[in-house]
Amino acid sequence: MLKLVTTLLLSCAVCQGARAPVIGGVYGASNNGGLPVKIPAKEKILKQEVCNTEVCQEAAASLADAMDITADPCEDFYQFACGGWMAKNTIPEGKSKWGRFYELRDKVDQDLHEIVEMEEPGAATAVANLRLMYQGCMDTDAIEAAGLSMLSGAMENGQGGGWPTLLQDDFEQGSLNLGLLLGGARRSLGADYLLSMWVYMDDLDTSKNIIYIDQPDLGLPLAMYSDEESYATYIKAYKQYMVDVATILGAEYGSSATEEQIVADVEQVFNFEKMVASVMTPDSERRNSTAMYNPMTLAEIKECLISG
């Protein structure tokens, strides 16, 4: 790949001169005052080691297929390097964008789909558990039979406190345990409210795993909360979605909440999300991985929370 890029850049460098071919020479000089460009002699090029394995041939064919050699690299280098791939590919149905990395991601997803659907005796524990989870998600009959039982806590004043929007006057403020509520949402729903946390390899020491703590995921992209006028249509639909969910669950569990109460609560929820968004760091300021890496012990985190 490095040799290919070097060759392409060299072709542009030569083009900046007289654009005249250099035959059998060692140097090609521009006639517009540019610096001479050293070009390996033909004999030296022939002596270079060339990978000719099946894998290398496949990679080379893929690169060549993605190029448009009819384009002038000095005029449109992107077309020269990627024009072939663009001509052969369109954005798939249901996708907003497409590219080589998305293509690879799609291929990985397809391979994973084959793995979870195959029946392989003696599979590793992790693979066996993955297949069990997949089978549970695909068992629509069992899902329908369970109904909304997993959401029954919405109308219960247990340790989670229930859902105030549906409980209204029956909600007991003292019953709310925020820690249990957030922990339960993370464990059962994979939702990151107020904080996002996950376990992954240490960026600077991949021999160990660490707990990462970061800002949360919100219901809408961060930019929408700071520019409500431009995204008014999306925000309206988002609020209506919350109202619809609360209305359906309210009817299912016999809530006494009125439409006006639900709408008022949804507005409070959105305003709270907007407040959280105002103290979050936008993606444009999160590109420095070194600045994002701030290891702390549990004691240090507690001290930060106490000192505020």
C-alpha atoms as a PDB file:
ATOM      1  CA  MET A   1       0.000   0.000   0.000  1.00  0.00           C
ATOM      2  CA  LEU A   2       2.860   2.393   0.915  1.00  0.00           C
ATOM      3  CA  LYS A   3       4.557   1.729  -2.415  1.00  0.00           C
ATOM      4  CA  LEU A   4       1.300   2.351  -4.268  1.00  0.00           C
ATOM      5  CA  VAL A   5       0.724   5.686  -2.493  1.00  0.00           C
ATOM      6  CA  THR A   6       4.367   6.694  -3.091  1.00  0.00           C
ATOM      7  CA  THR A   7       4.029   5.862  -6.775  1.00  0.00           C
ATOM      8  CA  LEU A   8       0.811   7.888  -7.090  1.00  0.00           C
ATOM      9  CA  LEU A   9       2.326  10.889  -5.314  1.00  0.00           C
ATOM     10  CA  LEU A  10       5.421  10.629  -7.514  1.00  0.00           C
ATOM     11  CA  SER A  11       3.238  10.702 -10.592  1.00  0.00           C
ATOM     12  CA  CYS A  12       1.721  13.964  -9.377  1.00  0.00           C
ATOM     13  CA  ALA A  13       5.134  15.401  -8.613  1.00  0.00           C
ATOM     14  CA  VAL A  14       6.320  14.608 -12.135  1.00  0.00           C
ATOM     15  CA  CYS A  15       3.106  16.086 -13.546  1.00  0.00           C
ATOM     16  CA  GLN A  16       3.860  19.385 -11.872  1.00  0.00           C
ATOM     17  CA  GLY A  17       6.862  19.691 -14.191  1.00  0.00           C
ATOM     18  CA  ALA A  18       6.895  19.405 -17.946  1.00  0.00           C
ATOM     19  CA  ARG A  19       4.608  16.333 -17.852  1.00  0.00           C
ATOM     20  CA  ALA A  20       7.064  14.770 -20.293  1.00  0.00           C
ATOM     21  CA  PRO A  21       7.870  11.062 -19.864  1.00  0.00           C
ATOM     22  CA  VAL A  22      11.285  10.116 -18.525  1.00  0.00           C
ATOM     23  CA  ILE A  23      12.819   7.150 -20.305  1.00  0.00           C
ATOM     24  CA  GLY A  24      15.755   5.200 -18.917  1.00  0.00           C
ATOM     25  CA  GLY A  25      16.908   8.111 -16.766  1.00  0.00           C
ATOM     26  CA  VAL A  26      17.453   8.566 -13.077  1.00  0.00           C
ATOM     27  CA  TYR A  27      16.181  12.124 -12.691  1.00  0.00           C
ATOM     28  CA  GLY A  28      13.240  13.928 -14.198  1.00  0.00           C
ATOM     29  CA  ALA A  29      13.526  17.702 -13.995  1.00  0.00           C
ATOM     30  CA  SER A  30      10.677  20.150 -14.340  1.00  0.00           C
ATOM     31  CA  ASN A  31      11.010  23.016 -16.813  1.00  0.00           C
ATOM     32  CA  ASN A  32       9.157  25.463 -14.589  1.00  0.00           C
ATOM     33  CA  GLY A  33      11.793  25.889 -11.955  1.00  0.00           C
ATOM     34  CA  GLY A  34      10.729  22.985  -9.722  1.00  0.00           C
ATOM     35  CA  LEU A  35      13.095  20.657  -7.884  1.00  0.00           C
ATOM     36  CA  PRO A  36      14.330  17.527  -9.693  1.00  0.00           C
ATOM     37  CA  VAL A  37      12.456  14.343  -8.908  1.00  0.00           C
ATOM     38  CA  LYS A  38      14.436  11.156  -8.486  1.00  0.00           C
ATOM     39  CA  ILE A  39      12.968   8.212 -10.372  1.00  0.00           C
ATOM     40  CA  PRO A  40      14.390   4.699  -9.876  1.00  0.00           C
ATOM     41  CA  ALA A  41      16.037   3.247 -12.966  1.00  0.00           C
ATOM     42  CA  LYS A  42      14.203   0.420 -14.695  1.00  0.00           C
ATOM     43  CA  GLU A  43      16.811  -2.127 -13.620  1.00  0.00           C
ATOM     44  CA  LYS A  44      16.342  -1.219  -9.955  1.00  0.00           C
ATOM     45  CA  ILE A  45      12.559  -1.478 -10.209  1.00  0.00           C
ATOM     46  CA  LEU A  46      12.795  -4.974 -11.650  1.00  0.00           C
ATOM     47  CA  LYS A  47      14.988  -6.082  -8.739  1.00  0.00           C
ATOM     48  CA  GLN A  48      12.492  -5.005  -6.080  1.00  0.00           C
ATOM     49  CA  GLU A  49      10.844  -7.845  -4.188  1.00  0.00           C
ATOM     50  CA  VAL A  50       7.203  -8.271  -5.161  1.00  0.00           C
ATOM     51  CA  CYS A  51       4.719 -10.152  -3.019  1.00  0.00           C
ATOM     52  CA  ASN A  52       3.023 -12.659  -5.279  1.00  0.00           C
ATOM     53  CA  THR A  53       1.045 -14.691  -2.762  1.00  0.00           C
ATOM     54  CA  GLU A  54      -2.679 -15.278  -3.236  1.00  0.00           C
ATOM     55  CA  VAL A  55      -3.486 -12.783  -0.468  1.00  0.00           C
ATOM     56  CA  CYS A  56      -1.295 -10.079  -2.023  1.00  0.00           C
ATOM     57  CA  GLN A  57      -2.780 -10.691  -5.459  1.00  0.00           C
ATOM     58  CA  GLU A  58      -6.277 -10.373  -4.031  1.00  0.00           C
ATOM     59  CA  ALA A  59      -5.371  -7.119  -2.260  1.00  0.00           C
ATOM     60  CA  ALA A  60      -3.709  -5.701  -5.370  1.00  0.00           C
ATOM     61  CA  ALA A  61      -6.696  -6.628  -7.529  1.00  0.00           C
ATOM     62  CA  SER A  62      -9.029  -4.935  -5.061  1.00  0.00           C
ATOM     63  CA  LEU A  63      -6.967  -1.730  -5.121  1.00  0.00           C
ATOM     64  CA  ALA A  64      -6.701  -1.738  -8.894  1.00  0.00           C
ATOM     65  CA  ASP A  65     -10.442  -2.348  -9.241  1.00  0.00           C
ATOM     66  CA  ALA A  66     -11.159   0.694  -7.039  1.00  0.00           C
ATOM     67  CA  MET A  67      -9.045   3.021  -9.204  1.00  0.00           C
ATOM     68  CA  ASP A  68      -9.955   4.973 -12.308  1.00  0.00           C
ATOM     69  CA  ILE A  69      -6.766   4.950 -14.362  1.00  0.00           C
ATOM     70  CA  THR A  70      -8.418   7.060 -17.080  1.00  0.00           C
ATOM     71  CA  ALA A  71      -8.437  10.049 -14.686  1.00  0.00           C
ATOM     72  CA  ASP A  72      -5.474  12.400 -14.452  1.00  0.00           C
ATOM     73  CA  PRO A  73      -4.135  12.131 -10.868  1.00  0.00           C
ATOM     74  CA  CYS A  74      -2.716  15.637 -11.104  1.00  0.00           C
ATOM     75  CA  GLU A  75      -6.167  17.056 -11.852  1.00  0.00           C
ATOM     76  CA  ASP A  76      -8.403  14.858  -9.675  1.00  0.00           C
ATOM     77  CA  PHE A  77      -6.465  12.510  -7.430  1.00  0.00           C
ATOM     78  CA  TYR A  78      -9.596  11.314  -5.596  1.00  0.00           C
ATOM     79  CA  GLN A  79     -11.204  10.217  -8.868  1.00  0.00           C
ATOM     80  CA  PHE A  80      -7.980   8.515  -9.899  1.00  0.00           C
ATOM     81  CA  ALA A  81      -7.689   6.577  -6.607  1.00  0.00           C
ATOM     82  CA  CYS A  82     -11.382   5.863  -5.891  1.00  0.00           C
ATOM     83  CA  GLY A  83     -13.293   6.450  -9.123  1.00  0.00           C
ATOM     84  CA  GLY A  84     -13.591   2.764  -9.969  1.00  0.00           C
ATOM     85  CA  TRP A  85     -15.141   1.925  -6.606  1.00  0.00           C
ATOM     86  CA  MET A  86     -17.594   4.840  -6.813  1.00  0.00           C
ATOM     87  CA  ALA A  87     -18.728   3.789 -10.294  1.00  0.00           C
ATOM     88  CA  LYS A  88     -19.433   0.236  -9.129  1.00  0.00           C
ATOM     89  CA  ASN A  89     -21.152   1.072  -5.839  1.00  0.00           C
ATOM     90  CA  THR A  90     -24.313   2.914  -4.850  1.00  0.00           C
ATOM     91  CA  ILE A  91     -25.603   3.683  -1.353  1.00  0.00           C
ATOM     92  CA  PRO A  92     -27.602   0.578  -0.310  1.00  0.00           C
ATOM     93  CA  GLU A  93     -31.284   0.832   0.530  1.00  0.00           C
ATOM     94  CA  GLY A  94     -31.761   1.880   4.128  1.00  0.00           C
ATOM     95  CA  LYS A  95     -28.262   3.406   4.433  1.00  0.00           C
ATOM     96  CA  SER A  96     -27.516   7.128   4.644  1.00  0.00           C
ATOM     97  CA  LYS A  97     -23.884   6.712   3.559  1.00  0.00           C
ATOM     98  CA  TRP A  98     -21.559   4.052   2.259  1.00  0.00           C
ATOM     99  CA  GLY A  99     -17.850   3.427   1.962  1.00  0.00           C
ATOM    100  CA  ARG A 100     -15.144   0.785   2.264  1.00  0.00           C
ATOM    101  CA  PHE A 101     -15.316   0.670   6.072  1.00  0.00           C
ATOM    102  CA  TYR A 102     -19.122   0.390   6.001  1.00  0.00           C
ATOM    103  CA  GLU A 103     -18.747  -2.361   3.423  1.00  0.00           C
ATOM    104  CA  LEU A 104     -16.377  -4.195   5.769  1.00  0.00           C
ATOM    105  CA  ARG A 105     -18.732  -3.701   8.724  1.00  0.00           C
ATOM    106  CA  ASP A 106     -21.563  -5.185   6.671  1.00  0.00           C
ATOM    107  CA  LYS A 107     -19.404  -8.188   5.794  1.00  0.00           C
ATOM    108  CA  VAL A 108     -18.555  -8.742   9.474  1.00  0.00           C
ATOM    109  CA  ASP A 109     -22.259  -8.555  10.379  1.00  0.00           C
ATOM    110  CA  GLN A 110     -23.069 -11.162   7.730  1.00  0.00           C
ATOM    111  CA  ASP A 111     -20.356 -13.483   9.039  1.00  0.00           C
ATOM    112  CA  LEU A 112     -21.614 -13.055  12.619  1.00  0.00           C
ATOM    113  CA  HIS A 113     -25.145 -13.830  11.463  1.00  0.00           C
ATOM    114  CA  GLU A 114     -23.928 -17.116   9.997  1.00  0.00           C
ATOM    115  CA  ILE A 115     -22.068 -17.963  13.218  1.00  0.00           C
ATOM    116  CA  VAL A 116     -25.057 -17.418  15.531  1.00  0.00           C
ATOM    117  CA  GLU A 117     -27.401 -19.405  13.301  1.00  0.00           C
ATOM    118  CA  MET A 118     -25.216 -22.469  12.771  1.00  0.00           C
ATOM    119  CA  GLU A 119     -25.412 -25.489  15.070  1.00  0.00           C
ATOM    120  CA  GLU A 120     -21.894 -26.381  16.138  1.00  0.00           C
ATOM    121  CA  PRO A 121     -21.371 -28.903  18.970  1.00  0.00           C
ATOM    122  CA  GLY A 122     -18.594 -28.134  21.413  1.00  0.00           C
ATOM    123  CA  ALA A 123     -18.530 -24.404  20.665  1.00  0.00           C
ATOM    124  CA  ALA A 124     -16.737 -22.083  23.066  1.00  0.00           C
ATOM    125  CA  THR A 125     -18.797 -20.860  26.027  1.00  0.00           C
ATOM    126  CA  ALA A 126     -18.859 -17.287  24.727  1.00  0.00           C
ATOM    127  CA  VAL A 127     -20.142 -18.440  21.322  1.00  0.00           C
ATOM    128  CA  ALA A 128     -22.739 -20.732  22.928  1.00  0.00           C
ATOM    129  CA  ASN A 129     -24.020 -17.869  25.102  1.00  0.00           C
ATOM    130  CA  LEU A 130     -24.154 -15.575  22.067  1.00  0.00           C
ATOM    131  CA  ARG A 131     -26.298 -18.102  20.230  1.00  0.00           C
ATOM    132  CA  LEU A 132     -28.642 -18.407  23.213  1.00  0.00           C
ATOM    133  CA  MET A 133     -29.090 -14.627  23.321  1.00  0.00           C
ATOM    134  CA  TYR A 134     -29.741 -14.543  19.570  1.00  0.00           C
ATOM    135  CA  GLN A 135     -32.302 -17.344  19.818  1.00  0.00           C
ATOM    136  CA  GLY A 136     -34.058 -15.481  22.618  1.00  0.00           C
ATOM    137  CA  CYS A 137     -34.299 -12.332  20.504  1.00  0.00           C
ATOM    138  CA  MET A 138     -35.666 -14.314  17.558  1.00  0.00           C
ATOM    139  CA  ASP A 139     -38.291 -16.158  19.633  1.00  0.00           C
ATOM    140  CA  THR A 140     -41.136 -13.761  18.836  1.00  0.00           C
ATOM    141  CA  ASP A 141     -43.760 -16.110  20.255  1.00  0.00           C
ATOM    142  CA  ALA A 142     -42.161 -15.999  23.707  1.00  0.00           C
ATOM    143  CA  ILE A 143     -41.736 -12.222  23.431  1.00  0.00           C
ATOM    144  CA  GLU A 144     -45.419 -11.750  22.614  1.00  0.00           C
ATOM    145  CA  ALA A 145     -46.434 -14.099  25.429  1.00  0.00           C
ATOM    146  CA  ALA A 146     -44.374 -12.097  27.941  1.00  0.00           C
ATOM    147  CA  GLY A 147     -46.122  -8.908  26.837  1.00  0.00           C
ATOM    148  CA  LEU A 148     -45.212  -5.839  28.903  1.00  0.00           C
ATOM    149  CA  SER A 149     -44.332  -7.783  32.035  1.00  0.00           C
ATOM    150  CA  MET A 150     -40.745  -6.514  31.875  1.00  0.00           C
ATOM    151  CA  LEU A 151     -42.084  -2.970  32.184  1.00  0.00           C
ATOM    152  CA  SER A 152     -44.361  -3.653  35.118  1.00  0.00           C
ATOM    153  CA  GLY A 153     -42.052  -1.572  37.316  1.00  0.00           C
ATOM    154  CA  ALA A 154     -43.360   1.521  35.557  1.00  0.00           C
ATOM    155  CA  MET A 155     -46.454   1.360  37.765  1.00  0.00           C
ATOM    156  CA  GLU A 156     -44.801   0.116  40.938  1.00  0.00           C
ATOM    157  CA  ASN A 157     -43.393   2.196  43.768  1.00  0.00           C
ATOM    158  CA  GLY A 158     -40.549  -0.218  44.432  1.00  0.00           C
ATOM    159  CA  GLN A 159     -36.856   0.534  44.814  1.00  0.00           C
ATOM    160  CA  GLY A 160     -36.824   2.116  41.352  1.00  0.00           C
ATOM    161  CA  GLY A 161     -39.636   4.437  42.314  1.00  0.00           C
ATOM    162  CA  GLY A 162     -41.891   3.752  39.331  1.00  0.00           C
ATOM    163  CA  TRP A 163     -42.591   6.168  36.495  1.00  0.00           C
ATOM    164  CA  PRO A 164     -43.830   9.497  37.886  1.00  0.00           C
ATOM    165  CA  THR A 165     -45.549  10.369  34.612  1.00  0.00           C
ATOM    166  CA  LEU A 166     -47.901   7.394  34.978  1.00  0.00           C
ATOM    167  CA  LEU A 167     -48.160   7.394  38.774  1.00  0.00           C
ATOM    168  CA  GLN A 168     -48.748  11.152  39.087  1.00  0.00           C
ATOM    169  CA  ASP A 169     -50.155  11.815  42.590  1.00  0.00           C
ATOM    170  CA  ASP A 170     -49.473   8.210  43.627  1.00  0.00           C
ATOM    171  CA  PHE A 171     -45.736   8.644  43.091  1.00  0.00           C
ATOM    172  CA  GLU A 172     -43.788   8.581  46.369  1.00  0.00           C
ATOM    173  CA  GLN A 173     -40.772  10.877  46.099  1.00  0.00           C
ATOM    174  CA  GLY A 174     -38.928   9.072  48.868  1.00  0.00           C
ATOM    175  CA  SER A 175     -39.177   5.729  47.101  1.00  0.00           C
ATOM    176  CA  LEU A 176     -36.872   6.807  44.274  1.00  0.00           C
ATOM    177  CA  ASN A 177     -33.413   5.209  44.449  1.00  0.00           C
ATOM    178  CA  LEU A 178     -31.446   6.840  41.633  1.00  0.00           C
ATOM    179  CA  GLY A 179     -28.525   4.438  41.906  1.00  0.00           C
ATOM    180  CA  LEU A 180     -30.719   1.366  41.556  1.00  0.00           C
ATOM    181  CA  LEU A 181     -32.698   2.987  38.757  1.00  0.00           C
ATOM    182  CA  LEU A 182     -29.606   3.860  36.691  1.00  0.00           C
ATOM    183  CA  GLY A 183     -27.922   0.543  37.433  1.00  0.00           C
ATOM    184  CA  GLY A 184     -31.012  -1.418  36.473  1.00  0.00           C
ATOM    185  CA  ALA A 185     -31.368   0.496  33.214  1.00  0.00           C
ATOM    186  CA  ARG A 186     -27.730  -0.193  32.367  1.00  0.00           C
ATOM    187  CA  ARG A 187     -27.927  -3.876  33.257  1.00  0.00           C
ATOM    188  CA  SER A 188     -31.312  -4.720  31.727  1.00  0.00           C
ATOM    189  CA  LEU A 189     -31.630  -2.232  28.870  1.00  0.00           C
ATOM    190  CA  GLY A 190     -28.043  -1.337  28.078  1.00  0.00           C
ATOM    191  CA  ALA A 191     -29.048   2.315  28.507  1.00  0.00           C
ATOM    192  CA  ASP A 192     -26.527   4.970  29.579  1.00  0.00           C
ATOM    193  CA  TYR A 193     -28.423   7.605  31.562  1.00  0.00           C
ATOM    194  CA  LEU A 194     -26.396  10.483  33.066  1.00  0.00           C
ATOM    195  CA  LEU A 195     -23.185   8.449  32.673  1.00  0.00           C
ATOM    196  CA  SER A 196     -21.990   5.843  30.216  1.00  0.00           C
ATOM    197  CA  MET A 197     -19.786   3.022  31.493  1.00  0.00           C
ATOM    198  CA  TRP A 198     -18.148   0.003  29.897  1.00  0.00           C
ATOM    199  CA  VAL A 199     -15.228  -2.363  30.389  1.00  0.00           C
ATOM    200  CA  TYR A 200     -12.521  -2.473  27.726  1.00  0.00           C
ATOM    201  CA  MET A 201      -8.775  -2.789  27.278  1.00  0.00           C
ATOM    202  CA  ASP A 202      -6.619  -0.045  28.739  1.00  0.00           C
ATOM    203  CA  ASP A 203      -5.516   2.171  25.846  1.00  0.00           C
ATOM    204  CA  LEU A 204      -1.949   2.310  27.198  1.00  0.00           C
ATOM    205  CA  ASP A 205      -1.726  -1.224  28.598  1.00  0.00           C
ATOM    206  CA  THR A 206      -3.728  -3.748  26.591  1.00  0.00           C
ATOM    207  CA  SER A 207      -2.792  -6.553  28.994  1.00  0.00           C
ATOM    208  CA  LYS A 208      -5.524  -5.410  31.384  1.00  0.00           C
ATOM    209  CA  ASN A 209      -9.122  -4.205  31.252  1.00  0.00           C
ATOM    210  CA  ILE A 210     -10.368  -1.060  32.925  1.00  0.00           C
ATOM    211  CA  ILE A 211     -13.722   0.612  33.545  1.00  0.00           C
ATOM    212  CA  TYR A 212     -14.372   3.558  31.238  1.00  0.00           C
ATOM    213  CA  ILE A 213     -16.681   6.366  32.388  1.00  0.00           C
ATOM    214  CA  ASP A 214     -17.889   8.930  29.886  1.00  0.00           C
ATOM    215  CA  GLN A 215     -20.718  11.318  29.152  1.00  0.00           C
ATOM    216  CA  PRO A 216     -24.141   9.762  28.433  1.00  0.00           C
ATOM    217  CA  ASP A 217     -26.110   9.086  25.290  1.00  0.00           C
ATOM    218  CA  LEU A 218     -29.130  11.349  24.824  1.00  0.00           C
ATOM    219  CA  GLY A 219     -32.309  10.710  22.882  1.00  0.00           C
ATOM    220  CA  LEU A 220     -31.273  13.105  20.101  1.00  0.00           C
ATOM    221  CA  PRO A 221     -27.943  14.147  18.560  1.00  0.00           C
ATOM    222  CA  LEU A 222     -26.170  16.721  20.714  1.00  0.00           C
ATOM    223  CA  ALA A 223     -26.406  19.516  18.119  1.00  0.00           C
ATOM    224  CA  MET A 224     -30.214  19.441  18.132  1.00  0.00           C
ATOM    225  CA  TYR A 225     -30.459  20.570  21.743  1.00  0.00           C
ATOM    226  CA  SER A 226     -28.510  23.756  21.065  1.00  0.00           C
ATOM    227  CA  ASP A 227     -30.358  24.665  17.855  1.00  0.00           C
ATOM    228  CA  GLU A 228     -34.028  23.912  18.413  1.00  0.00           C
ATOM    229  CA  GLU A 229     -35.178  26.185  15.601  1.00  0.00           C
ATOM    230  CA  SER A 230     -33.266  24.307  12.892  1.00  0.00           C
ATOM    231  CA  TYR A 231     -34.370  20.909  14.193  1.00  0.00           C
ATOM    232  CA  ALA A 232     -37.906  21.804  15.253  1.00  0.00           C
ATOM    233  CA  THR A 233     -39.487  18.994  13.184  1.00  0.00           C
ATOM    234  CA  TYR A 234     -37.243  16.318  14.737  1.00  0.00           C
ATOM    235  CA  ILE A 235     -37.739  17.650  18.262  1.00  0.00           C
ATOM    236  CA  LYS A 236     -41.509  17.724  17.833  1.00  0.00           C
ATOM    237  CA  ALA A 237     -41.507  14.106  16.639  1.00  0.00           C
ATOM    238  CA  TYR A 238     -39.250  13.103  19.548  1.00  0.00           C
ATOM    239  CA  LYS A 239     -41.590  14.646  22.106  1.00  0.00           C
ATOM    240  CA  GLN A 240     -44.616  13.069  20.446  1.00  0.00           C
ATOM    241  CA  TYR A 241     -42.900   9.680  20.594  1.00  0.00           C
ATOM    242  CA  MET A 242     -42.489  10.043  24.379  1.00  0.00           C
ATOM    243  CA  VAL A 243     -46.134  11.087  24.724  1.00  0.00           C
ATOM    244  CA  ASP A 244     -47.290   8.099  22.665  1.00  0.00           C
ATOM    245  CA  VAL A 245     -45.244   5.608  24.712  1.00  0.00           C
ATOM    246  CA  ALA A 246     -46.540   7.009  28.004  1.00  0.00           C
ATOM    247  CA  THR A 247     -50.115   6.975  26.698  1.00  0.00           C
ATOM    248  CA  ILE A 248     -49.914   3.341  25.574  1.00  0.00           C
ATOM    249  CA  LEU A 249     -48.350   2.150  28.833  1.00  0.00           C
ATOM    250  CA  GLY A 250     -50.820   4.228  30.814  1.00  0.00           C
ATOM    251  CA  ALA A 251     -53.732   2.549  29.095  1.00  0.00           C
ATOM    252  CA  GLU A 252     -52.158  -0.885  29.607  1.00  0.00           C
ATOM    253  CA  TYR A 253     -51.684  -0.427  33.346  1.00  0.00           C
ATOM    254  CA  GLY A 254     -54.764   1.684  34.076  1.00  0.00           C
ATOM    255  CA  SER A 255     -52.955   4.945  34.817  1.00  0.00           C
ATOM    256  CA  SER A 256     -55.038   7.969  35.741  1.00  0.00           C
ATOM    257  CA  ALA A 257     -52.604  10.360  34.050  1.00  0.00           C
ATOM    258  CA  THR A 258     -54.288  12.787  31.633  1.00  0.00           C
ATOM    259  CA  GLU A 259     -52.913  13.816  28.264  1.00  0.00           C
ATOM    260  CA  GLU A 260     -52.154  17.292  29.622  1.00  0.00           C
ATOM    261  CA  GLN A 261     -50.141  15.826  32.498  1.00  0.00           C
ATOM    262  CA  ILE A 262     -48.199  13.553  30.169  1.00  0.00           C
ATOM    263  CA  VAL A 263     -47.384  16.421  27.754  1.00  0.00           C
ATOM    264  CA  ALA A 264     -46.237  18.616  30.653  1.00  0.00           C
ATOM    265  CA  ASP A 265     -43.966  15.856  31.969  1.00  0.00           C
ATOM    266  CA  VAL A 266     -42.496  15.265  28.514  1.00  0.00           C
ATOM    267  CA  GLU A 267     -41.583  18.942  28.315  1.00  0.00           C
ATOM    268  CA  GLN A 268     -39.793  18.635  31.652  1.00  0.00           C
ATOM    269  CA  VAL A 269     -37.920  15.572  30.401  1.00  0.00           C
ATOM    270  CA  PHE A 270     -36.787  17.383  27.261  1.00  0.00           C
ATOM    271  CA  ASN A 271     -35.679  20.452  29.231  1.00  0.00           C
ATOM    272  CA  PHE A 272     -33.660  18.207  31.535  1.00  0.00           C
ATOM    273  CA  GLU A 273     -31.993  16.536  28.539  1.00  0.00           C
ATOM    274  CA  LYS A 274     -31.221  19.984  27.147  1.00  0.00           C
ATOM    275  CA  MET A 275     -29.595  20.951  30.440  1.00  0.00           C
ATOM    276  CA  VAL A 276     -27.451  17.798  30.375  1.00  0.00           C
ATOM    277  CA  ALA A 277     -26.525  18.493  26.732  1.00  0.00           C
ATOM    278  CA  SER A 278     -25.311  21.982  27.662  1.00  0.00           C
ATOM    279  CA  VAL A 279     -22.504  20.546  29.820  1.00  0.00           C
ATOM    280  CA  MET A 280     -21.492  17.774  27.409  1.00  0.00           C
ATOM    281  CA  THR A 281     -18.442  17.969  25.163  1.00  0.00           C
ATOM    282  CA  PRO A 282     -19.191  17.932  21.405  1.00  0.00           C
ATOM    283  CA  ASP A 283     -17.527  15.328  19.186  1.00  0.00           C
ATOM    284  CA  SER A 284     -15.383  18.012  17.545  1.00  0.00           C
ATOM    285  CA  GLU A 285     -13.570  18.479  20.865  1.00  0.00           C
ATOM    286  CA  ARG A 286     -13.173  14.756  21.600  1.00  0.00           C
ATOM    287  CA  ARG A 287     -10.669  13.849  18.899  1.00  0.00           C
ATOM    288  CA  ASN A 288      -7.551  14.042  21.057  1.00  0.00           C
ATOM    289  CA  SER A 289      -7.256  10.547  22.525  1.00  0.00           C
ATOM    290  CA  THR A 290      -4.447  11.646  24.841  1.00  0.00           C
ATOM    291  CA  ALA A 291      -6.578  14.383  26.381  1.00  0.00           C
ATOM    292  CA  MET A 292      -9.467  11.926  26.728  1.00  0.00           C
ATOM    293  CA  TYR A 293      -7.335   9.462  28.677  1.00  0.00           C
ATOM    294  CA  ASN A 294      -7.561  10.392  32.370  1.00  0.00           C
ATOM    295  CA  PRO A 295      -6.987   7.311  34.570  1.00  0.00           C
ATOM    296  CA  MET A 296      -8.253   7.608  38.146  1.00  0.00           C
ATOM    297  CA  THR A 297      -8.666   5.273  41.084  1.00  0.00           C
ATOM    298  CA  LEU A 298     -12.060   4.700  42.672  1.00  0.00           C
ATOM    299  CA  ALA A 299     -10.934   6.754  45.681  1.00  0.00           C
ATOM    300  CA  GLU A 300     -10.006   9.666  43.399  1.00  0.00           C
ATOM    301  CA  ILE A 301     -13.385   9.517  41.673  1.00  0.00           C
ATOM    302  CA  LYS A 302     -15.176   9.600  45.024  1.00  0.00           C
ATOM    303  CA  GLU A 303     -13.074  12.582  46.058  1.00  0.00           C
ATOM    304  CA  CYS A 304     -14.044  14.424  42.856  1.00  0.00           C
ATOM    305  CA  LEU A 305     -17.729  13.763  43.514  1.00  0.00           C
ATOM    306  CA  ILE A 306     -17.471  14.925  47.107  1.00  0.00           C
ATOM    307  CA  SER A 307     -15.515  18.080  46.321  1.00  0.00           C
ATOM    308  CA  GLY A 308     -17.876  18.804  43.426  1.00  0.00           C
END
